[in-house]
C-alpha atoms as a PDB file:
ATOM      1  CA  MET A   1     -46.319 -37.610  35.062  1.00  0.00           C
ATOM      2  CA  ASN A   2     -42.754 -37.637  34.144  1.00  0.00           C
ATOM      3  CA  GLY A   3     -41.211 -34.770  35.765  1.00  0.00           C
ATOM      4  CA  LYS A   4     -38.468 -34.139  38.165  1.00  0.00           C
ATOM      5  CA  ILE A   5     -38.754 -36.274  41.204  1.00  0.00           C
ATOM      6  CA  ARG A   6     -36.910 -36.053  44.848  1.00  0.00           C
ATOM      7  CA  MET A   7     -37.210 -38.579  47.400  1.00  0.00           C
ATOM      8  CA  ALA A   8     -37.648 -38.299  51.167  1.00  0.00           C
ATOM      9  CA  ASN A   9     -38.150 -41.496  53.232  1.00  0.00           C
ATOM     10  CA  THR A  10     -41.738 -41.451  53.429  1.00  0.00           C
ATOM     11  CA  VAL A  11     -42.756 -38.890  50.842  1.00  0.00           C
ATOM     12  CA  GLN A  12     -42.127 -38.632  46.824  1.00  0.00           C
ATOM     13  CA  THR A  13     -42.393 -35.323  45.286  1.00  0.00           C
ATOM     14  CA  GLU A  14     -42.678 -34.966  41.503  1.00  0.00           C
ATOM     15  CA  ILE A  15     -42.734 -31.801  39.735  1.00  0.00           C
ATOM     16  CA  GLU A  16     -44.383 -31.520  36.373  1.00  0.00           C
ATOM     17  CA  GLY A  17     -44.523 -27.973  35.036  1.00  0.00           C
ATOM     18  CA  ASN A  18     -46.804 -25.670  37.636  1.00  0.00           C
ATOM     19  CA  ILE A  19     -47.899 -28.980  39.647  1.00  0.00           C
ATOM     20  CA  ALA A  20     -46.428 -30.638  42.294  1.00  0.00           C
ATOM     21  CA  HIS A  21     -47.534 -34.282  42.926  1.00  0.00           C
ATOM     22  CA  LEU A  22     -46.750 -35.485  46.600  1.00  0.00           C
ATOM     23  CA  ARG A  23     -47.213 -39.289  46.966  1.00  0.00           C
ATOM     24  CA  ILE A  24     -47.217 -40.824  50.711  1.00  0.00           C
ATOM     25  CA  ASN A  25     -44.760 -43.559  50.560  1.00  0.00           C
ATOM     26  CA  ARG A  26     -45.248 -46.150  52.876  1.00  0.00           C
ATOM     27  CA  PRO A  27     -47.010 -48.711  50.944  1.00  0.00           C
ATOM     28  CA  HIS A  28     -45.770 -51.614  53.119  1.00  0.00           C
ATOM     29  CA  ALA A  29     -48.140 -50.074  55.881  1.00  0.00           C
ATOM     30  CA  ARG A  30     -50.779 -49.183  53.761  1.00  0.00           C
ATOM     31  CA  ASN A  31     -49.470 -45.566  53.750  1.00  0.00           C
ATOM     32  CA  ALA A  32     -50.256 -45.277  57.509  1.00  0.00           C
ATOM     33  CA  LEU A  33     -49.201 -41.905  59.174  1.00  0.00           C
ATOM     34  CA  SER A  34     -46.057 -42.178  61.227  1.00  0.00           C
ATOM     35  CA  GLN A  35     -44.301 -39.462  62.718  1.00  0.00           C
ATOM     36  CA  GLU A  36     -41.675 -39.348  60.072  1.00  0.00           C
ATOM     37  CA  LEU A  37     -44.120 -38.993  57.378  1.00  0.00           C
ATOM     38  CA  ILE A  38     -46.103 -35.986  59.518  1.00  0.00           C
ATOM     39  CA  THR A  39     -42.476 -34.212  59.490  1.00  0.00           C
ATOM     40  CA  GLU A  40     -41.650 -34.788  55.894  1.00  0.00           C
ATOM     41  CA  LEU A  41     -45.092 -34.348  54.394  1.00  0.00           C
ATOM     42  CA  SER A  42     -45.518 -31.069  56.428  1.00  0.00           C
ATOM     43  CA  ALA A  43     -42.105 -29.700  55.193  1.00  0.00           C
ATOM     44  CA  GLU A  44     -42.762 -30.346  51.555  1.00  0.00           C
ATOM     45  CA  PHE A  45     -46.232 -28.396  52.108  1.00  0.00           C
ATOM     46  CA  LYS A  46     -44.188 -25.653  53.483  1.00  0.00           C
ATOM     47  CA  SER A  47     -41.744 -25.593  50.438  1.00  0.00           C
ATOM     48  CA  ILE A  48     -44.330 -25.796  47.971  1.00  0.00           C
ATOM     49  CA  ASP A  49     -46.411 -22.939  49.509  1.00  0.00           C
ATOM     50  CA  SER A  50     -43.485 -20.601  49.173  1.00  0.00           C
ATOM     51  CA  ASN A  51     -42.552 -21.749  45.475  1.00  0.00           C
ATOM     52  CA  ASP A  52     -44.416 -19.388  43.214  1.00  0.00           C
ATOM     53  CA  ASP A  53     -43.651 -21.786  40.075  1.00  0.00           C
ATOM     54  CA  ILE A  54     -46.251 -24.192  41.773  1.00  0.00           C
ATOM     55  CA  HIS A  55     -49.729 -23.644  40.956  1.00  0.00           C
ATOM     56  CA  VAL A  56     -51.492 -26.733  42.043  1.00  0.00           C
ATOM     57  CA  VAL A  57     -50.776 -29.839  44.419  1.00  0.00           C
ATOM     58  CA  VAL A  58     -52.036 -33.260  43.887  1.00  0.00           C
ATOM     59  CA  LEU A  59     -51.901 -35.557  47.100  1.00  0.00           C
ATOM     60  CA  SER A  60     -51.885 -39.361  46.728  1.00  0.00           C
ATOM     61  CA  GLY A  61     -50.503 -42.596  48.050  1.00  0.00           C
ATOM     62  CA  VAL A  62     -47.898 -44.778  46.500  1.00  0.00           C
ATOM     63  CA  GLY A  63     -49.352 -48.316  45.631  1.00  0.00           C
ATOM     64  CA  ASP A  64     -52.770 -49.376  46.372  1.00  0.00           C
ATOM     65  CA  HIS A  65     -53.979 -47.174  49.240  1.00  0.00           C
ATOM     66  CA  PHE A  66     -54.271 -43.509  49.965  1.00  0.00           C
ATOM     67  CA  GLY A  67     -53.647 -44.342  53.635  1.00  0.00           C
ATOM     68  CA  ALA A  68     -55.198 -46.323  56.518  1.00  0.00           C
ATOM     69  CA  GLY A  69     -54.930 -43.473  59.099  1.00  0.00           C
ATOM     70  CA  TYR A  70     -52.320 -43.215  61.994  1.00  0.00           C
ATOM     71  CA  ASP A  71     -50.013 -45.924  62.555  1.00  0.00           C
ATOM     72  CA  LEU A  72     -51.516 -47.939  65.270  1.00  0.00           C
ATOM     73  CA  ASN A  73     -47.991 -49.339  66.142  1.00  0.00           C
ATOM     74  CA  VAL A  74     -47.052 -45.991  67.212  1.00  0.00           C
ATOM     75  CA  ASP A  75     -47.655 -45.158  70.915  1.00  0.00           C
ATOM     76  CA  TRP A  76     -48.919 -41.379  69.960  1.00  0.00           C
ATOM     77  CA  CYS A  77     -49.799 -40.326  73.606  1.00  0.00           C
ATOM     78  CA  ASN A  78     -46.564 -41.147  75.062  1.00  0.00           C
ATOM     79  CA  LEU A  79     -44.888 -38.948  71.771  1.00  0.00           C
ATOM     80  CA  TYR A  80     -46.588 -35.820  73.378  1.00  0.00           C
ATOM     81  CA  GLY A  81     -47.036 -36.696  77.033  1.00  0.00           C
ATOM     82  CA  LYS A  82     -48.664 -39.193  79.346  1.00  0.00           C
ATOM     83  CA  ARG A  83     -52.263 -40.613  78.633  1.00  0.00           C
ATOM     84  CA  ASN A  84     -54.002 -37.990  80.467  1.00  0.00           C
ATOM     85  CA  PRO A  85     -56.202 -34.858  79.097  1.00  0.00           C
ATOM     86  CA  VAL A  86     -53.136 -32.438  78.896  1.00  0.00           C
ATOM     87  CA  GLY A  87     -51.184 -35.109  76.959  1.00  0.00           C
ATOM     88  CA  THR A  88     -53.780 -36.103  74.747  1.00  0.00           C
ATOM     89  CA  ARG A  89     -54.841 -32.587  74.066  1.00  0.00           C
ATOM     90  CA  ARG A  90     -51.290 -32.079  73.109  1.00  0.00           C
ATOM     91  CA  MET A  91     -51.245 -35.072  70.860  1.00  0.00           C
ATOM     92  CA  LEU A  92     -54.516 -34.267  69.219  1.00  0.00           C
ATOM     93  CA  SER A  93     -53.548 -30.557  68.547  1.00  0.00           C
ATOM     94  CA  GLU A  94     -50.361 -31.749  66.762  1.00  0.00           C
ATOM     95  CA  CYS A  95     -52.359 -34.119  64.635  1.00  0.00           C
ATOM     96  CA  VAL A  96     -54.667 -31.500  63.604  1.00  0.00           C
ATOM     97  CA  GLU A  97     -51.850 -29.074  62.918  1.00  0.00           C
ATOM     98  CA  PHE A  98     -50.683 -31.783  60.475  1.00  0.00           C
ATOM     99  CA  GLU A  99     -53.856 -32.528  59.063  1.00  0.00           C
ATOM    100  CA  MET A 100     -54.703 -28.885  58.162  1.00  0.00           C
ATOM    101  CA  ASN A 101     -51.500 -28.518  55.792  1.00  0.00           C
ATOM    102  CA  PRO A 102     -53.873 -28.940  52.543  1.00  0.00           C
ATOM    103  CA  TRP A 103     -56.132 -26.413  53.850  1.00  0.00           C
ATOM    104  CA  ARG A 104     -53.684 -23.864  54.805  1.00  0.00           C
ATOM    105  CA  CYS A 105     -51.629 -24.308  51.562  1.00  0.00           C
ATOM    106  CA  SER A 106     -52.195 -21.298  49.515  1.00  0.00           C
ATOM    107  CA  LYS A 107     -52.569 -23.286  46.337  1.00  0.00           C
ATOM    108  CA  PRO A 108     -55.216 -25.540  45.291  1.00  0.00           C
ATOM    109  CA  VAL A 109     -54.699 -29.068  46.530  1.00  0.00           C
ATOM    110  CA  ILE A 110     -56.418 -32.068  45.055  1.00  0.00           C
ATOM    111  CA  ALA A 111     -56.582 -35.448  46.695  1.00  0.00           C
ATOM    112  CA  MET A 112     -56.236 -38.395  44.404  1.00  0.00           C
ATOM    113  CA  VAL A 113     -57.763 -41.647  46.540  1.00  0.00           C
ATOM    114  CA  ARG A 114     -57.404 -45.090  45.860  1.00  0.00           C
ATOM    115  CA  GLY A 115     -58.144 -48.164  48.206  1.00  0.00           C
ATOM    116  CA  TYR A 116     -58.196 -47.524  52.128  1.00  0.00           C
ATOM    117  CA  CYS A 117     -58.974 -43.693  53.150  1.00  0.00           C
ATOM    118  CA  LEU A 118     -59.435 -44.170  56.558  1.00  0.00           C
ATOM    119  CA  ALA A 119     -59.495 -42.081  59.904  1.00  0.00           C
ATOM    120  CA  GLY A 120     -56.620 -39.516  59.889  1.00  0.00           C
ATOM    121  CA  SER A 121     -56.017 -40.114  56.148  1.00  0.00           C
ATOM    122  CA  CYS A 122     -59.582 -39.610  55.551  1.00  0.00           C
ATOM    123  CA  GLU A 123     -59.334 -36.380  57.574  1.00  0.00           C
ATOM    124  CA  LEU A 124     -56.185 -35.476  55.645  1.00  0.00           C
ATOM    125  CA  SER A 125     -58.125 -35.751  52.153  1.00  0.00           C
ATOM    126  CA  MET A 126     -61.121 -33.859  53.500  1.00  0.00           C
ATOM    127  CA  MET A 127     -58.836 -30.749  54.163  1.00  0.00           C
ATOM    128  CA  CYS A 128     -57.974 -30.859  50.599  1.00  0.00           C
ATOM    129  CA  CYS A 129     -59.923 -28.743  48.039  1.00  0.00           C
ATOM    130  CA  ILE A 130     -61.073 -31.457  45.776  1.00  0.00           C
ATOM    131  CA  THR A 131     -60.980 -35.127  46.108  1.00  0.00           C
ATOM    132  CA  TYR A 132     -61.192 -37.599  42.895  1.00  0.00           C
ATOM    133  CA  ALA A 133     -61.487 -41.116  43.799  1.00  0.00           C
ATOM    134  CA  SER A 134     -60.864 -44.487  42.329  1.00  0.00           C
ATOM    135  CA  ASP A 135     -63.703 -47.115  42.288  1.00  0.00           C
ATOM    136  CA  THR A 136     -61.772 -49.057  44.596  1.00  0.00           C
ATOM    137  CA  ALA A 137     -61.563 -46.305  47.267  1.00  0.00           C
ATOM    138  CA  ARG A 138     -62.987 -47.093  50.985  1.00  0.00           C
ATOM    139  CA  PHE A 139     -63.718 -43.800  53.295  1.00  0.00           C
ATOM    140  CA  GLY A 140     -64.429 -43.892  56.746  1.00  0.00           C
ATOM    141  CA  GLU A 141     -63.617 -42.801  60.323  1.00  0.00           C
ATOM    142  CA  PRO A 142     -63.658 -45.830  62.559  1.00  0.00           C
ATOM    143  CA  GLU A 143     -62.079 -44.240  65.675  1.00  0.00           C
ATOM    144  CA  ILE A 144     -65.237 -44.492  67.711  1.00  0.00           C
ATOM    145  CA  LYS A 145     -64.664 -48.297  67.603  1.00  0.00           C
ATOM    146  CA  PHE A 146     -61.581 -47.353  69.548  1.00  0.00           C
ATOM    147  CA  SER A 147     -63.425 -45.074  71.891  1.00  0.00           C
ATOM    148  CA  ALA A 148     -61.956 -42.141  70.378  1.00  0.00           C
ATOM    149  CA  VAL A 149     -63.009 -39.088  68.546  1.00  0.00           C
ATOM    150  CA  PRO A 150     -61.275 -38.061  65.428  1.00  0.00           C
ATOM    151  CA  PRO A 151     -58.535 -35.383  65.877  1.00  0.00           C
ATOM    152  CA  ALA A 152     -60.080 -33.159  63.355  1.00  0.00           C
ATOM    153  CA  LEU A 153     -63.780 -33.130  63.127  1.00  0.00           C
ATOM    154  CA  VAL A 154     -63.919 -31.937  59.676  1.00  0.00           C
ATOM    155  CA  MET A 155     -66.387 -34.438  58.215  1.00  0.00           C
ATOM    156  CA  PRO A 156     -69.776 -32.185  59.112  1.00  0.00           C
ATOM    157  CA  TRP A 157     -68.228 -29.361  56.935  1.00  0.00           C
ATOM    158  CA  VAL A 158     -67.899 -31.571  53.905  1.00  0.00           C
ATOM    159  CA  VAL A 159     -70.867 -33.842  53.899  1.00  0.00           C
ATOM    160  CA  GLY A 160     -73.269 -31.958  56.371  1.00  0.00           C
ATOM    161  CA  LEU A 161     -74.608 -32.860  59.835  1.00  0.00           C
ATOM    162  CA  ARG A 162     -76.671 -35.925  58.915  1.00  0.00           C
ATOM    163  CA  HIS A 163     -74.328 -37.788  56.858  1.00  0.00           C
ATOM    164  CA  ALA A 164     -71.581 -37.028  59.341  1.00  0.00           C
ATOM    165  CA  ARG A 165     -73.468 -38.329  62.339  1.00  0.00           C
ATOM    166  CA  GLU A 166     -74.361 -41.608  60.444  1.00  0.00           C
ATOM    167  CA  LEU A 167     -70.826 -42.341  59.653  1.00  0.00           C
ATOM    168  CA  LEU A 168     -69.203 -41.061  62.609  1.00  0.00           C
ATOM    169  CA  TYR A 169     -71.536 -42.623  65.263  1.00  0.00           C
ATOM    170  CA  SER A 170     -71.038 -46.218  63.789  1.00  0.00           C
ATOM    171  CA  GLY A 171     -67.552 -45.848  62.378  1.00  0.00           C
ATOM    172  CA  ASP A 172     -68.516 -47.311  59.202  1.00  0.00           C
ATOM    173  CA  VAL A 173     -66.615 -47.702  55.946  1.00  0.00           C
ATOM    174  CA  ILE A 174     -68.379 -46.676  52.742  1.00  0.00           C
ATOM    175  CA  ASP A 175     -67.522 -47.495  48.992  1.00  0.00           C
ATOM    176  CA  ALA A 176     -66.639 -44.880  46.657  1.00  0.00           C
ATOM    177  CA  GLN A 177     -70.042 -44.481  44.951  1.00  0.00           C
ATOM    178  CA  GLU A 178     -71.560 -43.929  48.333  1.00  0.00           C
ATOM    179  CA  ALA A 179     -68.847 -41.473  49.042  1.00  0.00           C
ATOM    180  CA  LEU A 180     -69.915 -39.808  46.064  1.00  0.00           C
ATOM    181  CA  ARG A 181     -73.583 -39.757  46.850  1.00  0.00           C
ATOM    182  CA  ILE A 182     -73.219 -37.953  50.259  1.00  0.00           C
ATOM    183  CA  GLY A 183     -70.594 -35.365  48.884  1.00  0.00           C
ATOM    184  CA  LEU A 184     -67.369 -36.850  50.532  1.00  0.00           C
ATOM    185  CA  VAL A 185     -65.730 -36.861  47.003  1.00  0.00           C
ATOM    186  CA  ASN A 186     -66.171 -34.924  43.686  1.00  0.00           C
ATOM    187  CA  LYS A 187     -66.045 -37.534  40.965  1.00  0.00           C
ATOM    188  CA  VAL A 188     -65.173 -41.373  40.919  1.00  0.00           C
ATOM    189  CA  PHE A 189     -63.339 -43.105  37.929  1.00  0.00           C
ATOM    190  CA  PRO A 190     -62.223 -46.643  37.046  1.00  0.00           C
ATOM    191  CA  ASP A 191     -58.865 -47.205  38.992  1.00  0.00           C
ATOM    192  CA  ASP A 192     -56.909 -47.328  35.479  1.00  0.00           C
ATOM    193  CA  GLU A 193     -58.248 -43.855  34.918  1.00  0.00           C
ATOM    194  CA  LEU A 194     -57.942 -42.023  38.065  1.00  0.00           C
ATOM    195  CA  GLU A 195     -54.547 -40.647  37.508  1.00  0.00           C
ATOM    196  CA  ALA A 196     -54.932 -39.377  33.864  1.00  0.00           C
ATOM    197  CA  GLU A 197     -58.246 -37.824  35.009  1.00  0.00           C
ATOM    198  CA  THR A 198     -56.714 -36.070  38.205  1.00  0.00           C
ATOM    199  CA  MET A 199     -53.854 -34.784  36.377  1.00  0.00           C
ATOM    200  CA  LYS A 200     -56.285 -33.375  33.500  1.00  0.00           C
ATOM    201  CA  TYR A 201     -58.046 -31.422  35.950  1.00  0.00           C
ATOM    202  CA  ALA A 202     -54.953 -30.438  37.782  1.00  0.00           C
ATOM    203  CA  ARG A 203     -53.493 -29.111  34.521  1.00  0.00           C
ATOM    204  CA  ARG A 204     -56.583 -27.101  33.683  1.00  0.00           C
ATOM    205  CA  VAL A 205     -56.573 -25.234  37.327  1.00  0.00           C
ATOM    206  CA  ALA A 206     -52.660 -24.828  36.894  1.00  0.00           C
ATOM    207  CA  ALA A 207     -53.539 -22.876  33.510  1.00  0.00           C
ATOM    208  CA  MET A 208     -55.591 -20.396  35.361  1.00  0.00           C
ATOM    209  CA  ASP A 209     -54.029 -16.986  36.944  1.00  0.00           C
ATOM    210  CA  PRO A 210     -52.382 -18.520  39.858  1.00  0.00           C
ATOM    211  CA  VAL A 211     -52.920 -15.370  41.913  1.00  0.00           C
ATOM    212  CA  VAL A 212     -56.590 -15.177  41.559  1.00  0.00           C
ATOM    213  CA  VAL A 213     -56.909 -19.034  42.181  1.00  0.00           C
ATOM    214  CA  GLN A 214     -55.196 -18.463  45.350  1.00  0.00           C
ATOM    215  CA  LEU A 215     -57.338 -15.483  45.970  1.00  0.00           C
ATOM    216  CA  MET A 216     -60.478 -17.544  45.253  1.00  0.00           C
ATOM    217  CA  LYS A 217     -59.215 -20.545  47.747  1.00  0.00           C
ATOM    218  CA  ALA A 218     -58.534 -17.922  50.381  1.00  0.00           C
ATOM    219  CA  CYS A 219     -62.262 -16.644  50.037  1.00  0.00           C
ATOM    220  CA  ILE A 220     -63.844 -19.862  50.240  1.00  0.00           C
ATOM    221  CA  ASN A 221     -61.845 -21.068  53.151  1.00  0.00           C
ATOM    222  CA  GLN A 222     -62.920 -17.587  54.962  1.00  0.00           C
ATOM    223  CA  THR A 223     -66.481 -18.501  54.327  1.00  0.00           C
ATOM    224  CA  ALA A 224     -65.934 -21.633  56.437  1.00  0.00           C
ATOM    225  CA  GLU A 225     -63.832 -19.669  58.900  1.00  0.00           C
ATOM    226  CA  ILE A 226     -66.301 -17.115  59.439  1.00  0.00           C
ATOM    227  CA  THR A 227     -68.949 -19.451  60.130  1.00  0.00           C
ATOM    228  CA  GLY A 228     -66.857 -21.433  63.027  1.00  0.00           C
ATOM    229  CA  PHE A 229     -64.547 -23.769  61.041  1.00  0.00           C
ATOM    230  CA  SER A 230     -61.273 -23.646  63.192  1.00  0.00           C
ATOM    231  CA  GLN A 231     -63.391 -22.909  66.388  1.00  0.00           C
ATOM    232  CA  SER A 232     -65.225 -26.244  65.885  1.00  0.00           C
ATOM    233  CA  LEU A 233     -62.023 -28.056  65.240  1.00  0.00           C
ATOM    234  CA  GLN A 234     -60.762 -26.917  68.716  1.00  0.00           C
ATOM    235  CA  TYR A 235     -63.786 -27.998  70.321  1.00  0.00           C
ATOM    236  CA  ALA A 236     -63.338 -31.310  69.066  1.00  0.00           C
ATOM    237  CA  ILE A 237     -59.863 -31.481  70.079  1.00  0.00           C
ATOM    238  CA  GLU A 238     -60.990 -30.598  73.721  1.00  0.00           C
ATOM    239  CA  ASN A 239     -63.602 -33.235  73.672  1.00  0.00           C
ATOM    240  CA  GLY A 240     -61.262 -35.599  72.022  1.00  0.00           C
ATOM    241  CA  ALA A 241     -58.693 -35.259  74.658  1.00  0.00           C
ATOM    242  CA  ILE A 242     -61.295 -36.261  77.432  1.00  0.00           C
ATOM    243  CA  ALA A 243     -62.363 -39.170  75.283  1.00  0.00           C
ATOM    244  CA  GLU A 244     -58.572 -40.474  74.560  1.00  0.00           C
ATOM    245  CA  ALA A 245     -57.902 -40.139  78.462  1.00  0.00           C
ATOM    246  CA  THR A 246     -60.713 -42.247  79.470  1.00  0.00           C
ATOM    247  CA  GLU A 247     -60.113 -45.961  79.598  1.00  0.00           C
ATOM    248  CA  THR A 248     -63.653 -47.264  78.635  1.00  0.00           C
ATOM    249  CA  ASP A 249     -64.382 -50.906  78.923  1.00  0.00           C
ATOM    250  CA  ASN A 250     -64.174 -51.139  75.194  1.00  0.00           C
ATOM    251  CA  TYR A 251     -60.528 -49.470  75.283  1.00  0.00           C
ATOM    252  CA  ILE A 252     -59.281 -51.657  77.988  1.00  0.00           C
ATOM    253  CA  GLN A 253     -60.379 -54.721  76.411  1.00  0.00           C
ATOM    254  CA  PHE A 254     -58.994 -53.721  73.124  1.00  0.00           C
ATOM    255  CA  MET A 255     -55.664 -53.082  74.783  1.00  0.00           C
ATOM    256  CA  GLU A 256     -55.809 -56.415  76.548  1.00  0.00           C
ATOM    257  CA  VAL A 257     -56.133 -58.256  73.425  1.00  0.00           C
ATOM    258  CA  ALA A 258     -53.542 -56.502  71.670  1.00  0.00           C
ATOM    259  CA  GLN A 259     -50.921 -56.962  74.493  1.00  0.00           C
ATOM    260  CA  ARG A 260     -51.813 -60.469  74.733  1.00  0.00           C
ATOM    261  CA  GLU A 261     -52.380 -61.388  70.903  1.00  0.00           C
ATOM    262  CA  GLY A 262     -51.006 -58.530  68.944  1.00  0.00           C
ATOM    263  CA  LEU A 263     -52.546 -55.478  67.499  1.00  0.00           C
ATOM    264  CA  THR A 264     -53.900 -57.486  64.263  1.00  0.00           C
ATOM    265  CA  ALA A 265     -55.791 -59.805  66.751  1.00  0.00           C
ATOM    266  CA  ALA A 266     -57.065 -56.844  68.447  1.00  0.00           C
ATOM    267  CA  ILE A 267     -58.404 -55.415  65.361  1.00  0.00           C
ATOM    268  CA  ARG A 268     -60.316 -58.440  64.415  1.00  0.00           C
ATOM    269  CA  TRP A 269     -61.590 -58.543  67.762  1.00  0.00           C
ATOM    270  CA  ARG A 270     -62.864 -54.934  67.424  1.00  0.00           C
ATOM    271  CA  GLU A 271     -64.535 -55.725  64.031  1.00  0.00           C
ATOM    272  CA  ALA A 272     -66.216 -58.717  65.448  1.00  0.00           C
ATOM    273  CA  LYS A 273     -67.744 -56.814  68.301  1.00  0.00           C
ATOM    274  CA  PHE A 274     -68.680 -53.586  66.238  1.00  0.00           C
ATOM    275  CA  GLY A 275     -69.038 -54.831  62.774  1.00  0.00           C
END
């Protein structure tokens, strides 16, 4: 794309014709989600949603990764209250509210994924209408290895119950071809072809009648809503709050290693224990 670009601290927005390309811009942190990023990306979605000249949105990350999930250097619970069911429920509700931006946007949103797409970033991609992935992409929700529940338990709605259970019970990370096989992504391309192929499809959709496309998205979303989509996410928030507020043995050990040796060492400890 070679359109008009506006820059926030953590989000790049490029407009080409009727397409808005939002790029998460924290490559130094593998595009991990920070409070500032959440605020800025939410504001961009709100702006785009009210702009009739924008017909399609593409969401990606600057650099080699879509996103590594919520930044573990941030004490998320203390941002919204103490580490108890009330505080963690508030924190999870705010996370889900953010992650639903692509879902609630009236325009089609296409996730363009390369590299890591994990945890909250994976949930953000699943809230998009379509996901095109590079052959470098890696997907997963490793929250269970932190004794946590994903904030927005959207995966069963995307890949079905059995595939979701297999991934969520283990916290496994899968490659792009496996993600394609189970329906987590729509198409996989060589990394150097990903942007061209994504934009080719975005231009096709942008050429359609925008009102009809938006009505089509609303109908498809409503199909999920009728069958309990939002209610299931709310149920996950309630159970996630209990899990987050419960200091399990694994959580205590992880935090002890993190405080003693640093976060990187704690993540290595976690991977050695759970694989």
